[in-house]
Amino acid sequence: MDQHPKSAQTFRRGRAIAFLDKLMVNRATLQRQLNQPELESIKQVVSGELKATEAIIEEFKQIFQIHEIAPEDTTSNVKKEESKEKDENN
């Protein structure tokens, strides 16, 4: 009986980490957009979204006590998202 709650907790933690990873991908995308000359006209908006996303990430990490997300996981997911965006645009 002790096994069941532990697996549910692990499942919830896994979902929290997956959501944090998605936030990190969004953050990386916004950072990349800040450096794109064609988005210069909305740079303030992108910058504001980036700051808000970073605040959400920090709050989420504190609330769920998540500190071990690996940067390489985020990097690979950013590449997957970029590839997906390119496919959708073509």
N, C-alpha and C. Protein backbone atom coordinates (compact mmCIF):
# COMPACT_ATOMS: atom_id res chain seq x y z
N MET A 1 0.82 -1.20 0.00
CA MET A 1 0.00 0.00 0.00
C MET A 1 0.86 1.26 0.00
N ASP A 2 2.04 1.17 0.58
CA ASP A 2 2.97 2.30 0.60
C ASP A 2 3.49 2.62 -0.80
N GLN A 3 3.51 1.61 -1.68
CA GLN A 3 4.04 1.78 -3.02
C GLN A 3 3.17 2.73 -3.86
N HIS A 4 1.86 2.63 -3.76
CA HIS A 4 0.96 3.42 -4.60
C HIS A 4 1.14 4.93 -4.45
N PRO A 5 1.10 5.49 -3.24
CA PRO A 5 1.28 6.94 -3.12
C PRO A 5 2.64 7.41 -3.63
N LYS A 6 3.65 6.59 -3.46
CA LYS A 6 4.98 6.96 -3.92
C LYS A 6 5.00 7.10 -5.44
N SER A 7 4.36 6.15 -6.16
CA SER A 7 4.34 6.21 -7.61
C SER A 7 3.50 7.39 -8.10
N ALA A 8 2.42 7.70 -7.41
CA ALA A 8 1.62 8.87 -7.78
C ALA A 8 2.42 10.15 -7.59
N GLN A 9 3.18 10.20 -6.49
CA GLN A 9 4.01 11.38 -6.24
C GLN A 9 5.08 11.50 -7.32
N THR A 10 5.68 10.39 -7.70
CA THR A 10 6.69 10.39 -8.75
C THR A 10 6.08 10.85 -10.07
N PHE A 11 4.87 10.40 -10.36
CA PHE A 11 4.18 10.80 -11.58
C PHE A 11 3.94 12.31 -11.60
N ARG A 12 3.44 12.85 -10.47
CA ARG A 12 3.19 14.29 -10.39
C ARG A 12 4.48 15.08 -10.53
N ARG A 13 5.53 14.61 -9.90
CA ARG A 13 6.83 15.28 -10.00
C ARG A 13 7.33 15.26 -11.45
N GLY A 14 7.13 14.14 -12.11
CA GLY A 14 7.52 14.04 -13.52
C GLY A 14 6.77 15.04 -14.38
N ARG A 15 5.49 15.20 -14.10
CA ARG A 15 4.69 16.18 -14.86
C ARG A 15 5.14 17.60 -14.55
N ALA A 16 5.49 17.87 -13.30
CA ALA A 16 5.98 19.20 -12.93
C ALA A 16 7.29 19.50 -13.65
N ILE A 17 8.18 18.52 -13.70
CA ILE A 17 9.46 18.71 -14.39
C ILE A 17 9.23 18.89 -15.88
N ALA A 18 8.29 18.16 -16.46
CA ALA A 18 7.99 18.31 -17.89
C ALA A 18 7.46 19.71 -18.17
N PHE A 19 6.60 20.23 -17.28
CA PHE A 19 6.08 21.59 -17.47
C PHE A 19 7.19 22.62 -17.33
N LEU A 20 8.08 22.42 -16.37
CA LEU A 20 9.22 23.32 -16.21
C LEU A 20 10.09 23.30 -17.45
N ASP A 21 10.28 22.12 -18.01
CA ASP A 21 11.08 22.00 -19.23
C ASP A 21 10.43 22.79 -20.36
N LYS A 22 9.10 22.75 -20.46
CA LYS A 22 8.38 23.52 -21.49
C LYS A 22 8.59 25.02 -21.27
N LEU A 23 8.54 25.44 -20.02
CA LEU A 23 8.80 26.86 -19.71
C LEU A 23 10.22 27.25 -20.13
N MET A 24 11.17 26.35 -19.91
CA MET A 24 12.56 26.64 -20.29
C MET A 24 12.70 26.75 -21.81
N VAL A 25 11.97 25.93 -22.54
CA VAL A 25 11.98 26.02 -24.01
C VAL A 25 11.39 27.37 -24.44
N ASN A 26 10.29 27.77 -23.82
CA ASN A 26 9.69 29.07 -24.13
C ASN A 26 10.68 30.19 -23.84
N ARG A 27 11.38 30.09 -22.73
CA ARG A 27 12.38 31.10 -22.35
C ARG A 27 13.48 31.19 -23.40
N ALA A 28 13.99 30.05 -23.83
CA ALA A 28 15.05 30.02 -24.84
C ALA A 28 14.56 30.62 -26.16
N THR A 29 13.32 30.34 -26.52
CA THR A 29 12.74 30.89 -27.75
C THR A 29 12.65 32.41 -27.66
N LEU A 30 12.19 32.92 -26.52
CA LEU A 30 12.10 34.37 -26.34
C LEU A 30 13.48 35.02 -26.38
N GLN A 31 14.47 34.38 -25.77
CA GLN A 31 15.83 34.92 -25.80
C GLN A 31 16.34 34.99 -27.24
N ARG A 32 16.06 33.95 -28.01
CA ARG A 32 16.48 33.93 -29.41
C ARG A 32 15.77 35.04 -30.19
N GLN A 33 14.49 35.25 -29.92
CA GLN A 33 13.72 36.27 -30.62
C GLN A 33 14.24 37.68 -30.34
N LEU A 34 14.79 37.89 -29.15
CA LEU A 34 15.34 39.20 -28.82
C LEU A 34 16.48 39.60 -29.76
N ASN A 35 17.17 38.61 -30.31
CA ASN A 35 18.31 38.87 -31.18
C ASN A 35 17.96 38.87 -32.66
N GLN A 36 16.69 38.72 -33.00
CA GLN A 36 16.29 38.68 -34.40
C GLN A 36 15.93 40.09 -34.87
N PRO A 37 16.67 40.60 -35.86
CA PRO A 37 16.43 41.97 -36.34
C PRO A 37 15.01 42.20 -36.84
N GLU A 38 14.39 41.18 -37.42
CA GLU A 38 13.03 41.36 -37.96
C GLU A 38 11.99 41.54 -36.86
N LEU A 39 12.36 41.28 -35.61
CA LEU A 39 11.43 41.46 -34.49
C LEU A 39 11.77 42.70 -33.66
N GLU A 40 12.59 43.55 -34.21
CA GLU A 40 13.03 44.76 -33.49
C GLU A 40 11.84 45.62 -33.04
N SER A 41 10.79 45.69 -33.87
CA SER A 41 9.65 46.55 -33.54
C SER A 41 8.87 46.06 -32.31
N ILE A 42 9.00 44.79 -31.96
CA ILE A 42 8.29 44.27 -30.79
C ILE A 42 9.26 43.82 -29.70
N LYS A 43 10.46 44.34 -29.74
CA LYS A 43 11.50 43.92 -28.80
C LYS A 43 11.07 44.14 -27.34
N GLN A 44 10.39 45.25 -27.06
CA GLN A 44 9.94 45.52 -25.68
C GLN A 44 8.93 44.47 -25.21
N VAL A 45 8.04 44.09 -26.10
CA VAL A 45 7.03 43.08 -25.76
C VAL A 45 7.71 41.74 -25.47
N VAL A 46 8.63 41.35 -26.35
CA VAL A 46 9.35 40.08 -26.17
C VAL A 46 10.15 40.11 -24.88
N SER A 47 10.79 41.24 -24.61
CA SER A 47 11.57 41.39 -23.38
C SER A 47 10.67 41.25 -22.15
N GLY A 48 9.50 41.84 -22.20
CA GLY A 48 8.55 41.73 -21.09
C GLY A 48 8.08 40.30 -20.89
N GLU A 49 7.82 39.61 -22.00
CA GLU A 49 7.41 38.20 -21.92
C GLU A 49 8.53 37.35 -21.34
N LEU A 50 9.76 37.66 -21.72
CA LEU A 50 10.92 36.93 -21.21
C LEU A 50 11.05 37.11 -19.70
N LYS A 51 10.92 38.34 -19.24
CA LYS A 51 11.01 38.61 -17.80
C LYS A 51 9.89 37.89 -17.04
N ALA A 52 8.69 37.91 -17.60
CA ALA A 52 7.56 37.24 -16.95
C ALA A 52 7.79 35.72 -16.90
N THR A 53 8.28 35.17 -18.00
CA THR A 53 8.55 33.73 -18.05
C THR A 53 9.62 33.35 -17.05
N GLU A 54 10.67 34.16 -16.94
CA GLU A 54 11.73 33.88 -15.97
C GLU A 54 11.20 33.94 -14.54
N ALA A 55 10.30 34.88 -14.27
CA ALA A 55 9.71 34.97 -12.93
C ALA A 55 8.86 33.74 -12.63
N ILE A 56 8.10 33.29 -13.62
CA ILE A 56 7.27 32.09 -13.45
C ILE A 56 8.15 30.87 -13.20
N ILE A 57 9.24 30.76 -13.95
CA ILE A 57 10.17 29.63 -13.78
C ILE A 57 10.72 29.60 -12.36
N GLU A 58 11.18 30.74 -11.88
CA GLU A 58 11.75 30.80 -10.53
C GLU A 58 10.71 30.45 -9.46
N GLU A 59 9.51 30.99 -9.61
CA GLU A 59 8.45 30.71 -8.64
C GLU A 59 8.07 29.22 -8.68
N PHE A 60 7.96 28.68 -9.88
CA PHE A 60 7.62 27.27 -10.05
C PHE A 60 8.67 26.37 -9.40
N LYS A 61 9.94 26.70 -9.61
CA LYS A 61 11.03 25.91 -9.02
C LYS A 61 10.97 25.95 -7.49
N GLN A 62 10.66 27.11 -6.94
CA GLN A 62 10.58 27.23 -5.49
C GLN A 62 9.38 26.47 -4.93
N ILE A 63 8.24 26.63 -5.55
CA ILE A 63 7.02 25.98 -5.06
C ILE A 63 7.16 24.46 -5.10
N PHE A 64 7.68 23.94 -6.20
CA PHE A 64 7.76 22.49 -6.37
C PHE A 64 9.12 21.93 -5.97
N GLN A 65 9.99 22.79 -5.47
CA GLN A 65 11.32 22.39 -5.00
C GLN A 65 12.05 21.57 -6.07
N ILE A 66 12.10 22.15 -7.26
CA ILE A 66 12.78 21.51 -8.39
C ILE A 66 14.06 22.28 -8.65
N HIS A 67 15.18 21.58 -8.51
CA HIS A 67 16.46 22.25 -8.70
C HIS A 67 17.37 21.49 -9.65
N GLU A 68 16.96 20.29 -10.03
CA GLU A 68 17.88 19.43 -10.75
C GLU A 68 17.64 19.33 -12.24
N ILE A 69 16.82 20.20 -12.84
CA ILE A 69 16.59 20.10 -14.28
C ILE A 69 17.90 20.39 -15.01
N ALA A 70 18.24 19.51 -15.92
CA ALA A 70 19.53 19.60 -16.60
C ALA A 70 19.45 20.53 -17.80
N PRO A 71 20.41 21.47 -17.93
CA PRO A 71 20.40 22.38 -19.08
C PRO A 71 20.44 21.65 -20.42
N GLU A 72 21.12 20.50 -20.47
CA GLU A 72 21.20 19.78 -21.74
C GLU A 72 19.84 19.25 -22.17
N ASP A 73 18.96 18.93 -21.20
CA ASP A 73 17.60 18.52 -21.54
C ASP A 73 16.87 19.65 -22.23
N THR A 74 17.00 20.84 -21.70
CA THR A 74 16.36 22.01 -22.28
C THR A 74 16.92 22.29 -23.67
N THR A 75 18.22 22.19 -23.83
CA THR A 75 18.84 22.45 -25.12
C THR A 75 18.31 21.49 -26.18
N SER A 76 18.21 20.22 -25.84
CA SER A 76 17.70 19.27 -26.83
C SER A 76 16.24 19.55 -27.15
N ASN A 77 15.46 19.97 -26.16
CA ASN A 77 14.06 20.29 -26.41
C ASN A 77 13.90 21.56 -27.22
N VAL A 78 14.80 22.53 -27.03
CA VAL A 78 14.76 23.75 -27.84
C VAL A 78 14.99 23.38 -29.29
N LYS A 79 15.96 22.51 -29.54
CA LYS A 79 16.24 22.09 -30.91
C LYS A 79 15.04 21.36 -31.51
N LYS A 80 14.36 20.53 -30.72
CA LYS A 80 13.17 19.84 -31.20
C LYS A 80 12.07 20.84 -31.54
N GLU A 81 11.87 21.84 -30.67
CA GLU A 81 10.85 22.86 -30.90
C GLU A 81 11.17 23.67 -32.15
N GLU A 82 12.45 24.05 -32.33
CA GLU A 82 12.84 24.81 -33.51
C GLU A 82 12.58 24.00 -34.76
N SER A 83 12.89 22.73 -34.73
CA SER A 83 12.66 21.85 -35.87
C SER A 83 11.17 21.74 -36.17
N LYS A 84 10.36 21.63 -35.11
CA LYS A 84 8.92 21.54 -35.26
C LYS A 84 8.37 22.84 -35.87
N GLU A 85 8.87 24.00 -35.40
CA GLU A 85 8.43 25.29 -35.93
C GLU A 85 8.77 25.41 -37.41
N LYS A 86 9.97 24.99 -37.80
CA LYS A 86 10.37 25.04 -39.20
C LYS A 86 9.46 24.17 -40.06
N ASP A 87 9.15 22.97 -39.56
CA ASP A 87 8.28 22.06 -40.30
C ASP A 87 6.88 22.66 -40.47
N GLU A 88 6.38 23.30 -39.43
CA GLU A 88 5.04 23.90 -39.49
C GLU A 88 5.01 25.09 -40.44
N ASN A 89 6.11 25.82 -40.55
CA ASN A 89 6.17 26.99 -41.42
C ASN A 89 6.38 26.63 -42.89
N ASN A 90 6.80 25.41 -43.15
CA ASN A 90 7.06 25.00 -44.55
C ASN A 90 5.92 24.23 -45.13
